[in-house]
N, C-alpha and C. Protein backbone atom coordinates (compact mmCIF):
# COMPACT_ATOMS: atom_id res chain seq x y z
N LYS A 1 74.48 -4.39 6.80
CA LYS A 1 73.79 -5.63 6.81
C LYS A 1 73.44 -5.95 5.31
N ASN A 2 74.36 -6.62 4.65
CA ASN A 2 74.24 -7.07 3.31
C ASN A 2 73.97 -8.53 3.34
N PHE A 3 72.83 -8.96 3.74
CA PHE A 3 72.50 -10.36 3.88
C PHE A 3 72.41 -11.03 2.48
N ALA A 4 71.93 -10.31 1.47
CA ALA A 4 71.89 -10.95 0.17
C ALA A 4 73.25 -11.24 -0.34
N GLY A 5 74.24 -10.34 -0.05
CA GLY A 5 75.66 -10.62 -0.51
C GLY A 5 76.27 -11.75 0.27
N ALA A 6 75.84 -11.88 1.54
CA ALA A 6 76.36 -12.93 2.36
C ALA A 6 75.75 -14.30 1.93
N GLY A 7 74.53 -14.23 1.59
CA GLY A 7 73.91 -15.48 1.06
C GLY A 7 74.59 -15.98 -0.22
N LYS A 8 75.03 -15.04 -1.11
CA LYS A 8 75.69 -15.44 -2.31
C LYS A 8 77.05 -15.98 -1.85
N ALA A 9 77.67 -15.41 -0.90
CA ALA A 9 79.03 -15.96 -0.51
C ALA A 9 78.92 -17.39 0.05
N PHE A 10 77.90 -17.63 0.86
CA PHE A 10 77.64 -18.92 1.41
C PHE A 10 77.27 -19.91 0.28
N ASP A 11 76.54 -19.51 -0.75
CA ASP A 11 76.24 -20.32 -1.88
C ASP A 11 77.57 -20.73 -2.60
N ASP A 12 78.43 -19.75 -2.71
CA ASP A 12 79.70 -20.02 -3.47
C ASP A 12 80.53 -21.01 -2.62
N ALA A 13 80.51 -20.89 -1.36
CA ALA A 13 81.27 -21.77 -0.38
C ALA A 13 80.69 -23.26 -0.49
N LEU A 14 79.40 -23.26 -0.60
CA LEU A 14 78.75 -24.56 -0.71
C LEU A 14 78.93 -25.24 -2.07
N ALA A 15 79.11 -24.40 -2.98
CA ALA A 15 79.44 -25.00 -4.37
C ALA A 15 80.76 -25.65 -4.39
N ILE A 16 81.66 -25.08 -3.59
CA ILE A 16 82.97 -25.67 -3.47
C ILE A 16 83.05 -26.97 -2.57
N ASP A 17 82.37 -26.80 -1.46
CA ASP A 17 82.26 -27.88 -0.46
C ASP A 17 80.89 -28.01 0.00
N PRO A 18 80.06 -28.88 -0.58
CA PRO A 18 78.66 -28.96 -0.23
C PRO A 18 78.45 -29.54 1.24
N ASN A 19 79.41 -30.14 1.83
CA ASN A 19 79.24 -30.64 3.22
C ASN A 19 79.85 -29.65 4.25
N ASN A 20 80.16 -28.47 3.92
CA ASN A 20 80.73 -27.60 4.86
C ASN A 20 79.65 -27.11 5.84
N ALA A 21 79.75 -27.56 7.07
CA ALA A 21 78.74 -27.19 8.13
C ALA A 21 78.63 -25.82 8.40
N ALA A 22 79.74 -25.06 8.44
CA ALA A 22 79.71 -23.67 8.78
C ALA A 22 79.02 -22.86 7.72
N ALA A 23 79.24 -23.24 6.48
CA ALA A 23 78.60 -22.56 5.34
C ALA A 23 77.12 -22.81 5.33
N LYS A 24 76.76 -24.06 5.68
CA LYS A 24 75.26 -24.36 5.71
C LYS A 24 74.63 -23.57 6.89
N ARG A 25 75.30 -23.53 8.04
CA ARG A 25 74.77 -22.75 9.17
C ARG A 25 74.58 -21.27 8.76
N GLY A 26 75.74 -20.76 8.11
CA GLY A 26 75.75 -19.36 7.77
C GLY A 26 74.63 -19.07 6.72
N LYS A 27 74.45 -19.95 5.76
CA LYS A 27 73.35 -19.71 4.80
C LYS A 27 71.99 -19.73 5.47
N ALA A 28 71.80 -20.61 6.42
CA ALA A 28 70.49 -20.66 7.16
C ALA A 28 70.26 -19.35 7.99
N MET A 29 71.33 -18.94 8.60
CA MET A 29 71.18 -17.67 9.39
C MET A 29 70.96 -16.47 8.46
N THR A 30 71.60 -16.46 7.33
CA THR A 30 71.42 -15.36 6.33
C THR A 30 69.99 -15.37 5.81
N ALA A 31 69.47 -16.57 5.56
CA ALA A 31 68.12 -16.69 5.05
C ALA A 31 67.08 -16.22 6.05
N ALA A 32 67.33 -16.55 7.37
CA ALA A 32 66.48 -16.17 8.42
C ALA A 32 66.50 -14.72 8.59
N GLU A 33 67.64 -14.00 8.43
CA GLU A 33 67.63 -12.54 8.60
C GLU A 33 66.96 -11.96 7.40
N LEU A 34 67.08 -12.46 6.22
CA LEU A 34 66.36 -11.87 5.06
C LEU A 34 64.80 -12.09 5.32
N GLU A 35 64.47 -13.22 5.86
CA GLU A 35 63.11 -13.55 6.17
C GLU A 35 62.61 -12.53 7.21
N ARG A 36 63.41 -12.11 8.20
CA ARG A 36 63.05 -11.14 9.21
C ARG A 36 62.54 -9.81 8.57
N ASP A 37 63.17 -9.40 7.58
CA ASP A 37 62.81 -8.16 6.82
C ASP A 37 61.34 -8.27 6.35
N GLY A 38 61.09 -9.44 5.72
CA GLY A 38 59.70 -9.62 5.21
C GLY A 38 58.72 -9.74 6.32
N ALA A 39 59.13 -10.41 7.40
CA ALA A 39 58.16 -10.63 8.53
C ALA A 39 57.89 -9.23 9.21
N GLU A 40 58.85 -8.43 9.39
CA GLU A 40 58.63 -7.09 9.94
C GLU A 40 57.79 -6.16 9.01
N ALA A 41 58.05 -6.28 7.77
CA ALA A 41 57.19 -5.46 6.79
C ALA A 41 55.74 -6.01 6.84
N ALA A 42 55.58 -7.27 6.87
CA ALA A 42 54.12 -7.81 6.97
C ALA A 42 53.50 -7.42 8.23
N TYR A 43 54.23 -7.44 9.39
CA TYR A 43 53.71 -7.04 10.68
C TYR A 43 53.28 -5.53 10.65
N LYS A 44 54.14 -4.71 10.03
CA LYS A 44 53.86 -3.29 10.01
C LYS A 44 52.64 -2.95 9.09
N LYS A 45 52.43 -3.83 8.12
CA LYS A 45 51.20 -3.68 7.23
C LYS A 45 50.04 -4.36 7.80
N ARG A 46 50.14 -4.95 9.03
CA ARG A 46 49.05 -5.56 9.81
C ARG A 46 48.62 -6.82 9.06
N ASP A 47 49.49 -7.44 8.24
CA ASP A 47 49.29 -8.74 7.66
C ASP A 47 49.82 -9.78 8.66
N PHE A 48 48.99 -10.04 9.65
CA PHE A 48 49.55 -10.85 10.79
C PHE A 48 49.67 -12.29 10.39
N ARG A 49 48.97 -12.85 9.54
CA ARG A 49 49.07 -14.24 9.16
C ARG A 49 50.34 -14.45 8.42
N ALA A 50 50.66 -13.55 7.46
CA ALA A 50 52.02 -13.60 6.79
C ALA A 50 53.12 -13.45 7.73
N ALA A 51 53.02 -12.53 8.67
CA ALA A 51 54.00 -12.28 9.58
C ALA A 51 54.26 -13.50 10.48
N ARG A 52 53.15 -14.14 10.95
CA ARG A 52 53.31 -15.31 11.72
C ARG A 52 54.05 -16.47 11.01
N GLU A 53 53.69 -16.60 9.72
CA GLU A 53 54.35 -17.72 8.96
C GLU A 53 55.82 -17.39 8.82
N ALA A 54 56.16 -16.15 8.54
CA ALA A 54 57.58 -15.78 8.36
C ALA A 54 58.33 -15.88 9.76
N TYR A 55 57.74 -15.48 10.87
CA TYR A 55 58.35 -15.58 12.18
C TYR A 55 58.56 -17.07 12.53
N ALA A 56 57.60 -17.92 12.11
CA ALA A 56 57.71 -19.41 12.35
C ALA A 56 58.93 -19.94 11.64
N ARG A 57 59.15 -19.44 10.39
CA ARG A 57 60.35 -19.97 9.66
C ARG A 57 61.63 -19.44 10.28
N ILE A 58 61.59 -18.25 10.75
CA ILE A 58 62.77 -17.70 11.50
C ILE A 58 63.13 -18.52 12.75
N VAL A 59 62.04 -18.78 13.54
CA VAL A 59 62.29 -19.56 14.72
C VAL A 59 62.76 -21.01 14.45
N ALA A 60 62.26 -21.56 13.31
CA ALA A 60 62.70 -22.96 12.96
C ALA A 60 64.14 -22.86 12.64
N ALA A 61 64.60 -21.81 11.89
CA ALA A 61 65.95 -21.69 11.45
C ALA A 61 66.90 -21.28 12.56
N LEU A 62 66.42 -20.42 13.48
CA LEU A 62 67.23 -19.79 14.57
C LEU A 62 66.50 -20.03 15.91
N PRO A 63 66.51 -21.24 16.46
CA PRO A 63 65.68 -21.53 17.64
C PRO A 63 66.04 -20.64 18.90
N ASN A 64 67.24 -20.08 18.92
CA ASN A 64 67.70 -19.27 20.05
C ASN A 64 67.33 -17.81 19.85
N ASP A 65 66.71 -17.44 18.81
CA ASP A 65 66.38 -16.07 18.56
C ASP A 65 65.13 -15.74 19.39
N THR A 66 65.30 -15.05 20.59
CA THR A 66 64.24 -14.80 21.51
C THR A 66 63.32 -13.70 21.04
N VAL A 67 63.87 -12.73 20.24
CA VAL A 67 62.99 -11.73 19.67
C VAL A 67 61.99 -12.19 18.78
N ALA A 68 62.39 -13.13 17.85
CA ALA A 68 61.46 -13.70 16.90
C ALA A 68 60.52 -14.65 17.58
N ALA A 69 61.01 -15.40 18.60
CA ALA A 69 60.13 -16.29 19.37
C ALA A 69 59.04 -15.49 20.13
N LYS A 70 59.42 -14.37 20.66
CA LYS A 70 58.44 -13.57 21.43
C LYS A 70 57.36 -13.04 20.42
N ARG A 71 57.89 -12.51 19.25
CA ARG A 71 56.90 -12.02 18.28
C ARG A 71 55.98 -13.13 17.73
N LEU A 72 56.53 -14.33 17.55
CA LEU A 72 55.71 -15.39 17.11
C LEU A 72 54.68 -15.78 18.17
N GLU A 73 55.07 -15.75 19.47
CA GLU A 73 54.11 -16.07 20.51
C GLU A 73 52.99 -15.01 20.58
N GLU A 74 53.38 -13.76 20.34
CA GLU A 74 52.39 -12.66 20.31
C GLU A 74 51.38 -12.84 19.20
N LEU A 75 51.94 -13.24 17.97
CA LEU A 75 51.09 -13.38 16.78
C LEU A 75 50.18 -14.60 17.01
N ASN A 76 50.64 -15.68 17.64
CA ASN A 76 49.87 -16.85 17.87
C ASN A 76 48.66 -16.53 18.76
N ILE A 77 48.91 -15.64 19.77
CA ILE A 77 47.87 -15.23 20.65
C ILE A 77 46.85 -14.35 19.90
N ARG A 78 47.42 -13.46 19.12
CA ARG A 78 46.54 -12.48 18.37
C ARG A 78 45.69 -13.19 17.36
N LEU A 79 46.18 -14.27 16.77
CA LEU A 79 45.40 -14.95 15.75
C LEU A 79 44.64 -16.18 16.25
N ALA A 80 44.75 -16.44 17.55
CA ALA A 80 44.02 -17.60 18.10
C ALA A 80 42.54 -17.39 18.01
N PRO A 81 41.80 -18.42 17.92
CA PRO A 81 40.33 -18.26 17.90
C PRO A 81 39.88 -17.63 19.21
N ALA A 82 38.77 -16.91 19.15
CA ALA A 82 38.27 -16.28 20.32
C ALA A 82 37.75 -17.37 21.36
N SER A 83 37.95 -17.00 22.60
CA SER A 83 37.49 -17.88 23.69
C SER A 83 36.03 -17.84 23.79
N PRO A 84 35.37 -18.91 24.34
CA PRO A 84 33.96 -18.97 24.40
C PRO A 84 33.49 -17.96 25.46
N LEU A 85 32.24 -17.58 25.35
CA LEU A 85 31.70 -16.59 26.27
C LEU A 85 31.59 -17.20 27.67
N ARG A 86 31.77 -16.44 28.67
CA ARG A 86 31.61 -17.01 30.08
C ARG A 86 30.42 -16.31 30.67
N GLY A 87 29.89 -16.93 31.66
CA GLY A 87 28.81 -16.32 32.33
C GLY A 87 27.49 -17.08 32.14
N SER A 88 26.43 -16.39 32.24
CA SER A 88 25.09 -16.95 32.24
C SER A 88 24.82 -17.58 30.93
N MET A 89 25.16 -17.11 29.75
CA MET A 89 25.04 -17.71 28.51
C MET A 89 25.63 -19.12 28.35
N THR A 90 26.81 -19.28 28.97
CA THR A 90 27.47 -20.49 28.87
C THR A 90 26.86 -21.56 29.80
N TYR A 91 26.41 -21.09 30.92
CA TYR A 91 26.05 -22.11 32.01
C TYR A 91 24.49 -22.17 32.10
N SER A 92 23.74 -21.70 31.07
CA SER A 92 22.24 -21.67 31.29
C SER A 92 21.65 -23.04 30.87
N LEU A 93 22.45 -23.91 30.27
CA LEU A 93 21.85 -25.18 29.82
C LEU A 93 21.64 -26.06 31.01
N LYS A 94 20.37 -26.63 31.20
CA LYS A 94 20.06 -27.44 32.27
C LYS A 94 19.87 -28.81 31.77
N VAL A 95 20.61 -29.74 32.38
CA VAL A 95 20.57 -31.18 32.02
C VAL A 95 19.72 -31.95 33.06
N GLY A 96 18.82 -32.77 32.42
CA GLY A 96 17.97 -33.62 33.29
C GLY A 96 16.60 -33.29 33.40
């Protein structure tokens, strides 16, 4: 998995033909795979906000990547604001 080398190859191809759709797609996929390394490192370090941002960029670049989409969903749930309390504290307000 030499994504950095692949990214350079796609850059070279785009320098020759800037409108090459396959090279653009390949460059985006390569960038997303490089982003995945950073996202996984951030997740392992428990830097969940950075991981969520990185996985969001991966999902934007590769919308069919179900692994990244599931991890992003998990991080969105993990980082969501806490739900309000339920029970007597919530419903003790009397109107009227």
